[in-house]
Amino acid sequence: MRVDKYLWCIRYYKTRSIATAAIKKGHVKVNGAVVKPSREVYATDQISVRKNQVDYQLVVLDTPDSRLGAKLVDIYRKDVTPKENLEKLELLKYSKDYYRKKGTGRPTKKDRRDIDEIYENDDFFSKDEEE
């Protein structure tokens, strides 16, 4: 089975075209080598997938006939991703919560009051106003 189809079948990518694009960009390695989307995948191959700033490590157990339900994915692959990589994903989630979401526009009145309150309580800004 082709590597792009395999990654689509085991639900690492939503579409085959997205999987193909990721492979062409070099985000996917099979047995440590960068591959083309048409590369065949066999049992015991090790696949490394870089997705969302995390390196996932997979071992191919078998190749499915078609796309699988989420509950059946573990029959065809074994996830051997190190714990450090998964912890990195958790840290990324927390760091993104701090910032405003893209497209939310200008700060609201409440946001502006909070910003002004921070500046009023900061010694650095209050010294400049006294001089």
N, C-alpha and C. Protein backbone atom coordinates (compact mmCIF):
# COMPACT_ATOMS: atom_id res chain seq x y z
N MET A 1 0.85 -1.18 0.00
CA MET A 1 0.00 0.00 0.00
C MET A 1 0.89 1.24 0.00
N ARG A 2 0.49 2.26 -0.72
CA ARG A 2 1.23 3.51 -0.78
C ARG A 2 1.25 4.19 0.59
N VAL A 3 2.31 4.91 0.89
CA VAL A 3 2.44 5.54 2.20
C VAL A 3 1.40 6.63 2.39
N ASP A 4 1.06 7.40 1.35
CA ASP A 4 0.04 8.44 1.51
C ASP A 4 -1.33 7.82 1.78
N LYS A 5 -1.64 6.73 1.10
CA LYS A 5 -2.91 6.06 1.34
C LYS A 5 -2.95 5.43 2.73
N TYR A 6 -1.82 4.88 3.16
CA TYR A 6 -1.76 4.27 4.50
C TYR A 6 -2.02 5.31 5.59
N LEU A 7 -1.37 6.47 5.49
CA LEU A 7 -1.57 7.51 6.50
C LEU A 7 -2.99 8.05 6.49
N TRP A 8 -3.62 8.07 5.32
CA TRP A 8 -5.00 8.47 5.23
C TRP A 8 -5.91 7.40 5.83
N CYS A 9 -5.62 6.13 5.56
CA CYS A 9 -6.44 5.03 6.07
C CYS A 9 -6.41 4.93 7.59
N ILE A 10 -5.25 5.21 8.19
CA ILE A 10 -5.18 5.10 9.65
C ILE A 10 -5.46 6.45 10.33
N ARG A 11 -6.00 7.37 9.57
CA ARG A 11 -6.55 8.64 10.08
C ARG A 11 -5.51 9.60 10.65
N TYR A 12 -4.31 9.62 10.10
CA TYR A 12 -3.36 10.65 10.48
C TYR A 12 -3.59 11.92 9.68
N TYR A 13 -4.20 11.79 8.52
CA TYR A 13 -4.55 12.95 7.69
C TYR A 13 -5.99 12.80 7.24
N LYS A 14 -6.66 13.95 7.10
CA LYS A 14 -8.08 13.96 6.77
C LYS A 14 -8.33 13.54 5.32
N THR A 15 -7.45 13.93 4.40
CA THR A 15 -7.60 13.56 3.01
C THR A 15 -6.28 13.02 2.47
N ARG A 16 -6.36 12.30 1.37
CA ARG A 16 -5.13 11.78 0.76
C ARG A 16 -4.30 12.90 0.18
N SER A 17 -4.95 13.94 -0.32
CA SER A 17 -4.18 15.04 -0.91
C SER A 17 -3.39 15.79 0.16
N ILE A 18 -3.92 15.91 1.37
CA ILE A 18 -3.17 16.53 2.47
C ILE A 18 -2.00 15.64 2.86
N ALA A 19 -2.22 14.34 2.89
CA ALA A 19 -1.15 13.39 3.21
C ALA A 19 -0.06 13.46 2.15
N THR A 20 -0.44 13.52 0.88
CA THR A 20 0.52 13.61 -0.21
C THR A 20 1.35 14.88 -0.12
N ALA A 21 0.68 16.00 0.18
CA ALA A 21 1.40 17.28 0.31
C ALA A 21 2.40 17.24 1.45
N ALA A 22 2.02 16.64 2.57
CA ALA A 22 2.92 16.54 3.72
C ALA A 22 4.14 15.68 3.38
N ILE A 23 3.92 14.61 2.65
CA ILE A 23 5.03 13.73 2.27
C ILE A 23 5.97 14.45 1.31
N LYS A 24 5.42 15.20 0.36
CA LYS A 24 6.25 15.94 -0.59
C LYS A 24 7.09 17.01 0.10
N LYS A 25 6.58 17.57 1.19
CA LYS A 25 7.32 18.59 1.95
C LYS A 25 8.40 17.97 2.83
N GLY A 26 8.42 16.66 2.95
CA GLY A 26 9.44 15.99 3.75
C GLY A 26 9.06 15.79 5.20
N HIS A 27 7.78 15.88 5.53
CA HIS A 27 7.32 15.70 6.90
C HIS A 27 7.19 14.24 7.30
N VAL A 28 7.30 13.35 6.33
CA VAL A 28 7.12 11.92 6.59
C VAL A 28 8.39 11.18 6.18
N LYS A 29 8.87 10.30 7.07
CA LYS A 29 10.03 9.47 6.77
C LYS A 29 9.66 8.01 7.04
N VAL A 30 10.14 7.13 6.19
CA VAL A 30 9.94 5.70 6.38
C VAL A 30 11.31 5.08 6.59
N ASN A 31 11.47 4.42 7.72
CA ASN A 31 12.76 3.81 8.11
C ASN A 31 13.90 4.83 8.06
N GLY A 32 13.61 6.07 8.45
CA GLY A 32 14.63 7.11 8.53
C GLY A 32 14.93 7.83 7.23
N ALA A 33 14.29 7.48 6.14
CA ALA A 33 14.56 8.11 4.84
C ALA A 33 13.34 8.89 4.37
N VAL A 34 13.58 10.08 3.80
CA VAL A 34 12.50 10.86 3.20
C VAL A 34 12.03 10.10 1.96
N VAL A 35 10.72 10.01 1.78
CA VAL A 35 10.16 9.19 0.70
C VAL A 35 9.21 9.99 -0.18
N LYS A 36 8.82 9.38 -1.27
CA LYS A 36 7.79 9.92 -2.15
C LYS A 36 6.44 9.34 -1.72
N PRO A 37 5.34 10.00 -2.12
CA PRO A 37 4.01 9.48 -1.74
C PRO A 37 3.71 8.09 -2.29
N SER A 38 4.38 7.70 -3.37
CA SER A 38 4.09 6.40 -3.98
C SER A 38 4.87 5.25 -3.35
N ARG A 39 5.69 5.53 -2.35
CA ARG A 39 6.50 4.49 -1.69
C ARG A 39 5.59 3.47 -1.04
N GLU A 40 5.87 2.21 -1.26
CA GLU A 40 5.09 1.12 -0.67
C GLU A 40 5.46 0.95 0.81
N VAL A 41 4.46 0.64 1.63
CA VAL A 41 4.65 0.42 3.05
C VAL A 41 4.35 -1.04 3.36
N TYR A 42 5.23 -1.65 4.14
CA TYR A 42 5.08 -3.05 4.51
C TYR A 42 5.07 -3.18 6.03
N ALA A 43 4.67 -4.34 6.52
CA ALA A 43 4.66 -4.60 7.96
C ALA A 43 6.08 -4.45 8.50
N THR A 44 6.20 -3.96 9.71
CA THR A 44 7.44 -3.68 10.46
C THR A 44 8.17 -2.43 9.98
N ASP A 45 7.65 -1.69 9.00
CA ASP A 45 8.25 -0.41 8.63
C ASP A 45 8.00 0.59 9.76
N GLN A 46 8.98 1.47 9.97
CA GLN A 46 8.84 2.53 10.97
C GLN A 46 8.61 3.84 10.25
N ILE A 47 7.53 4.51 10.60
CA ILE A 47 7.17 5.77 9.96
C ILE A 47 7.29 6.89 10.98
N SER A 48 7.91 7.98 10.57
CA SER A 48 8.01 9.18 11.39
C SER A 48 7.20 10.28 10.71
N VAL A 49 6.23 10.83 11.43
CA VAL A 49 5.34 11.85 10.88
C VAL A 49 5.49 13.13 11.71
N ARG A 50 5.84 14.23 11.06
CA ARG A 50 5.92 15.53 11.73
C ARG A 50 4.62 16.27 11.46
N LYS A 51 3.81 16.43 12.51
CA LYS A 51 2.51 17.06 12.36
C LYS A 51 2.24 17.93 13.58
N ASN A 52 1.88 19.17 13.36
CA ASN A 52 1.59 20.12 14.44
C ASN A 52 2.77 20.27 15.40
N GLN A 53 3.98 20.38 14.87
CA GLN A 53 5.21 20.58 15.61
C GLN A 53 5.56 19.41 16.54
N VAL A 54 5.00 18.25 16.27
CA VAL A 54 5.28 17.05 17.07
C VAL A 54 5.71 15.93 16.12
N ASP A 55 6.74 15.19 16.51
CA ASP A 55 7.21 14.05 15.72
C ASP A 55 6.56 12.77 16.25
N TYR A 56 5.64 12.21 15.48
CA TYR A 56 5.00 10.96 15.85
C TYR A 56 5.80 9.80 15.25
N GLN A 57 5.93 8.73 16.00
CA GLN A 57 6.64 7.53 15.55
C GLN A 57 5.63 6.38 15.49
N LEU A 58 5.57 5.71 14.33
CA LEU A 58 4.63 4.61 14.14
C LEU A 58 5.37 3.38 13.67
N VAL A 59 4.83 2.23 14.01
CA VAL A 59 5.31 0.97 13.46
C VAL A 59 4.12 0.33 12.74
N VAL A 60 4.32 -0.02 11.47
CA VAL A 60 3.25 -0.62 10.67
C VAL A 60 3.10 -2.08 11.09
N LEU A 61 1.90 -2.46 11.51
CA LEU A 61 1.62 -3.85 11.87
C LEU A 61 1.00 -4.60 10.70
N ASP A 62 0.16 -3.92 9.94
CA ASP A 62 -0.49 -4.52 8.78
C ASP A 62 -1.05 -3.39 7.93
N THR A 63 -1.44 -3.69 6.70
CA THR A 63 -2.02 -2.66 5.84
C THR A 63 -3.51 -2.91 5.68
N PRO A 64 -4.33 -1.90 5.93
CA PRO A 64 -5.78 -2.07 5.81
C PRO A 64 -6.22 -2.06 4.34
N ASP A 65 -7.41 -2.59 4.08
CA ASP A 65 -7.95 -2.59 2.72
C ASP A 65 -8.50 -1.22 2.35
N SER A 66 -9.08 -0.51 3.33
CA SER A 66 -9.66 0.81 3.08
C SER A 66 -9.60 1.62 4.37
N ARG A 67 -10.13 2.84 4.32
CA ARG A 67 -10.12 3.72 5.49
C ARG A 67 -10.87 3.08 6.65
N LEU A 68 -10.33 3.28 7.85
CA LEU A 68 -10.85 2.59 9.04
C LEU A 68 -11.62 3.52 9.95
N GLY A 69 -12.44 2.91 10.78
CA GLY A 69 -13.03 3.65 11.88
C GLY A 69 -11.96 3.90 12.93
N ALA A 70 -12.15 4.92 13.74
CA ALA A 70 -11.13 5.33 14.71
C ALA A 70 -10.81 4.23 15.72
N LYS A 71 -11.77 3.39 16.03
CA LYS A 71 -11.55 2.34 17.02
C LYS A 71 -10.69 1.20 16.49
N LEU A 72 -10.63 1.05 15.17
CA LEU A 72 -9.90 -0.06 14.57
C LEU A 72 -8.48 0.29 14.16
N VAL A 73 -8.07 1.51 14.35
CA VAL A 73 -6.76 1.97 13.88
C VAL A 73 -5.62 1.22 14.57
N ASP A 74 -5.75 0.90 15.84
CA ASP A 74 -4.67 0.26 16.58
C ASP A 74 -4.36 -1.16 16.10
N ILE A 75 -5.22 -1.74 15.31
CA ILE A 75 -4.95 -3.07 14.75
C ILE A 75 -3.84 -2.99 13.69
N TYR A 76 -3.75 -1.86 13.03
CA TYR A 76 -2.85 -1.72 11.88
C TYR A 76 -1.60 -0.92 12.14
N ARG A 77 -1.50 -0.27 13.29
CA ARG A 77 -0.30 0.49 13.62
C ARG A 77 -0.05 0.46 15.12
N LYS A 78 1.22 0.64 15.47
CA LYS A 78 1.60 0.74 16.87
C LYS A 78 2.26 2.09 17.06
N ASP A 79 1.74 2.89 17.99
CA ASP A 79 2.28 4.22 18.24
C ASP A 79 3.42 4.11 19.25
N VAL A 80 4.63 4.44 18.83
CA VAL A 80 5.80 4.38 19.71
C VAL A 80 6.38 5.77 19.90
N THR A 81 5.52 6.79 19.89
CA THR A 81 5.95 8.17 20.08
C THR A 81 6.48 8.35 21.49
N PRO A 82 7.67 8.94 21.66
CA PRO A 82 8.20 9.17 23.02
C PRO A 82 7.30 10.11 23.82
N LYS A 83 7.28 9.93 25.13
CA LYS A 83 6.44 10.75 26.01
C LYS A 83 6.81 12.23 25.93
N GLU A 84 8.10 12.53 25.70
CA GLU A 84 8.53 13.94 25.63
C GLU A 84 7.82 14.68 24.50
N ASN A 85 7.61 13.99 23.37
CA ASN A 85 6.95 14.62 22.25
C ASN A 85 5.48 14.92 22.56
N LEU A 86 4.83 14.02 23.27
CA LEU A 86 3.44 14.24 23.63
C LEU A 86 3.30 15.34 24.69
N GLU A 87 4.28 15.43 25.58
CA GLU A 87 4.29 16.52 26.57
C GLU A 87 4.48 17.86 25.87
N LYS A 88 5.28 17.87 24.83
CA LYS A 88 5.50 19.08 24.04
C LYS A 88 4.18 19.57 23.45
N LEU A 89 3.35 18.64 23.01
CA LEU A 89 2.04 18.99 22.46
C LEU A 89 1.17 19.65 23.52
N GLU A 90 1.21 19.15 24.75
CA GLU A 90 0.45 19.75 25.84
C GLU A 90 0.92 21.17 26.13
N LEU A 91 2.23 21.38 26.13
CA LEU A 91 2.77 22.71 26.36
C LEU A 91 2.36 23.68 25.26
N LEU A 92 2.30 23.21 24.03
CA LEU A 92 1.86 24.06 22.93
C LEU A 92 0.41 24.49 23.11
N LYS A 93 -0.42 23.59 23.62
CA LYS A 93 -1.82 23.94 23.85
C LYS A 93 -1.94 25.06 24.88
N TYR A 94 -1.16 24.96 25.97
CA TYR A 94 -1.22 25.98 27.01
C TYR A 94 -0.68 27.32 26.51
N SER A 95 0.35 27.30 25.70
CA SER A 95 0.93 28.55 25.23
C SER A 95 -0.02 29.26 24.27
N LYS A 96 -0.81 28.53 23.52
CA LYS A 96 -1.74 29.15 22.58
C LYS A 96 -2.95 29.75 23.28
N ASP A 97 -3.31 29.25 24.45
CA ASP A 97 -4.46 29.78 25.17
C ASP A 97 -4.22 31.19 25.66
N TYR A 98 -2.95 31.56 25.86
CA TYR A 98 -2.64 32.88 26.42
C TYR A 98 -2.94 33.99 25.42
N TYR A 99 -2.67 33.77 24.18
CA TYR A 99 -2.82 34.81 23.17
C TYR A 99 -4.24 34.89 22.65
N ARG A 100 -4.57 36.06 22.13
CA ARG A 100 -5.89 36.23 21.53
C ARG A 100 -5.97 35.41 20.25
N LYS A 101 -7.14 34.95 19.95
CA LYS A 101 -7.33 34.16 18.74
C LYS A 101 -7.26 35.08 17.52
N LYS A 102 -6.75 34.53 16.44
CA LYS A 102 -6.62 35.28 15.21
C LYS A 102 -8.00 35.64 14.68
N GLY A 103 -8.16 36.87 14.28
CA GLY A 103 -9.42 37.30 13.70
C GLY A 103 -10.40 37.85 14.71
N THR A 104 -10.01 37.97 15.99
CA THR A 104 -10.95 38.50 16.98
C THR A 104 -11.01 40.02 16.94
N GLY A 105 -10.09 40.64 16.20
CA GLY A 105 -10.17 42.08 16.01
C GLY A 105 -9.52 42.88 17.12
N ARG A 106 -9.97 44.12 17.23
CA ARG A 106 -9.39 45.02 18.21
C ARG A 106 -9.77 44.60 19.62
N PRO A 107 -9.01 45.07 20.62
CA PRO A 107 -9.38 44.75 22.01
C PRO A 107 -10.73 45.37 22.37
N THR A 108 -11.49 44.67 23.19
CA THR A 108 -12.76 45.21 23.67
C THR A 108 -12.50 46.25 24.75
N LYS A 109 -13.55 46.91 25.23
CA LYS A 109 -13.38 47.88 26.31
C LYS A 109 -12.80 47.22 27.55
N LYS A 110 -13.29 46.03 27.85
CA LYS A 110 -12.79 45.31 29.02
C LYS A 110 -11.30 44.99 28.85
N ASP A 111 -10.91 44.53 27.65
CA ASP A 111 -9.49 44.26 27.40
C ASP A 111 -8.66 45.52 27.56
N ARG A 112 -9.17 46.62 27.05
CA ARG A 112 -8.43 47.88 27.13
C ARG A 112 -8.28 48.33 28.59
N ARG A 113 -9.32 48.17 29.38
CA ARG A 113 -9.23 48.53 30.81
C ARG A 113 -8.21 47.66 31.52
N ASP A 114 -8.19 46.38 31.19
CA ASP A 114 -7.21 45.47 31.79
C ASP A 114 -5.79 45.89 31.42
N ILE A 115 -5.58 46.27 30.18
CA ILE A 115 -4.26 46.71 29.73
C ILE A 115 -3.85 47.98 30.46
N ASP A 116 -4.78 48.95 30.57
CA ASP A 116 -4.49 50.19 31.28
C ASP A 116 -4.17 49.93 32.75
N GLU A 117 -4.87 48.99 33.36
CA GLU A 117 -4.64 48.66 34.76
C GLU A 117 -3.23 48.08 34.95
N ILE A 118 -2.79 47.28 34.01
CA ILE A 118 -1.44 46.72 34.09
C ILE A 118 -0.41 47.84 34.02
N TYR A 119 -0.62 48.79 33.11
CA TYR A 119 0.33 49.89 32.97
C TYR A 119 0.33 50.81 34.19
N GLU A 120 -0.82 51.02 34.82
CA GLU A 120 -0.89 51.87 36.00
C GLU A 120 -0.17 51.24 37.19
N ASN A 121 -0.22 49.93 37.31
CA ASN A 121 0.40 49.24 38.43
C ASN A 121 1.89 48.98 38.21
N ASP A 122 2.39 49.20 37.03
CA ASP A 122 3.79 48.93 36.71
C ASP A 122 4.64 50.14 37.08
N ASP A 123 5.70 49.92 37.87
CA ASP A 123 6.57 51.00 38.33
C ASP A 123 7.33 51.65 37.18
N PHE A 124 7.69 50.90 36.18
CA PHE A 124 8.47 51.42 35.08
C PHE A 124 7.72 52.54 34.36
N PHE A 125 6.43 52.35 34.11
CA PHE A 125 5.66 53.35 33.38
C PHE A 125 5.28 54.52 34.25
N SER A 126 5.08 54.32 35.54
CA SER A 126 4.69 55.43 36.41
C SER A 126 5.85 56.40 36.66
N LYS A 127 7.12 55.93 36.63
CA LYS A 127 8.28 56.82 36.82
C LYS A 127 8.42 57.78 35.64
N ASP A 128 8.12 57.31 34.42
CA ASP A 128 8.26 58.17 33.26
C ASP A 128 7.26 59.32 33.31
N GLU A 129 6.08 59.10 33.84
CA GLU A 129 5.07 60.13 33.90
C GLU A 129 5.41 61.20 34.94
N GLU A 130 6.13 60.83 36.02
CA GLU A 130 6.45 61.79 37.07
C GLU A 130 7.50 62.79 36.62
N GLU A 131 8.40 62.40 35.74
CA GLU A 131 9.48 63.29 35.30
C GLU A 131 9.01 64.31 34.36
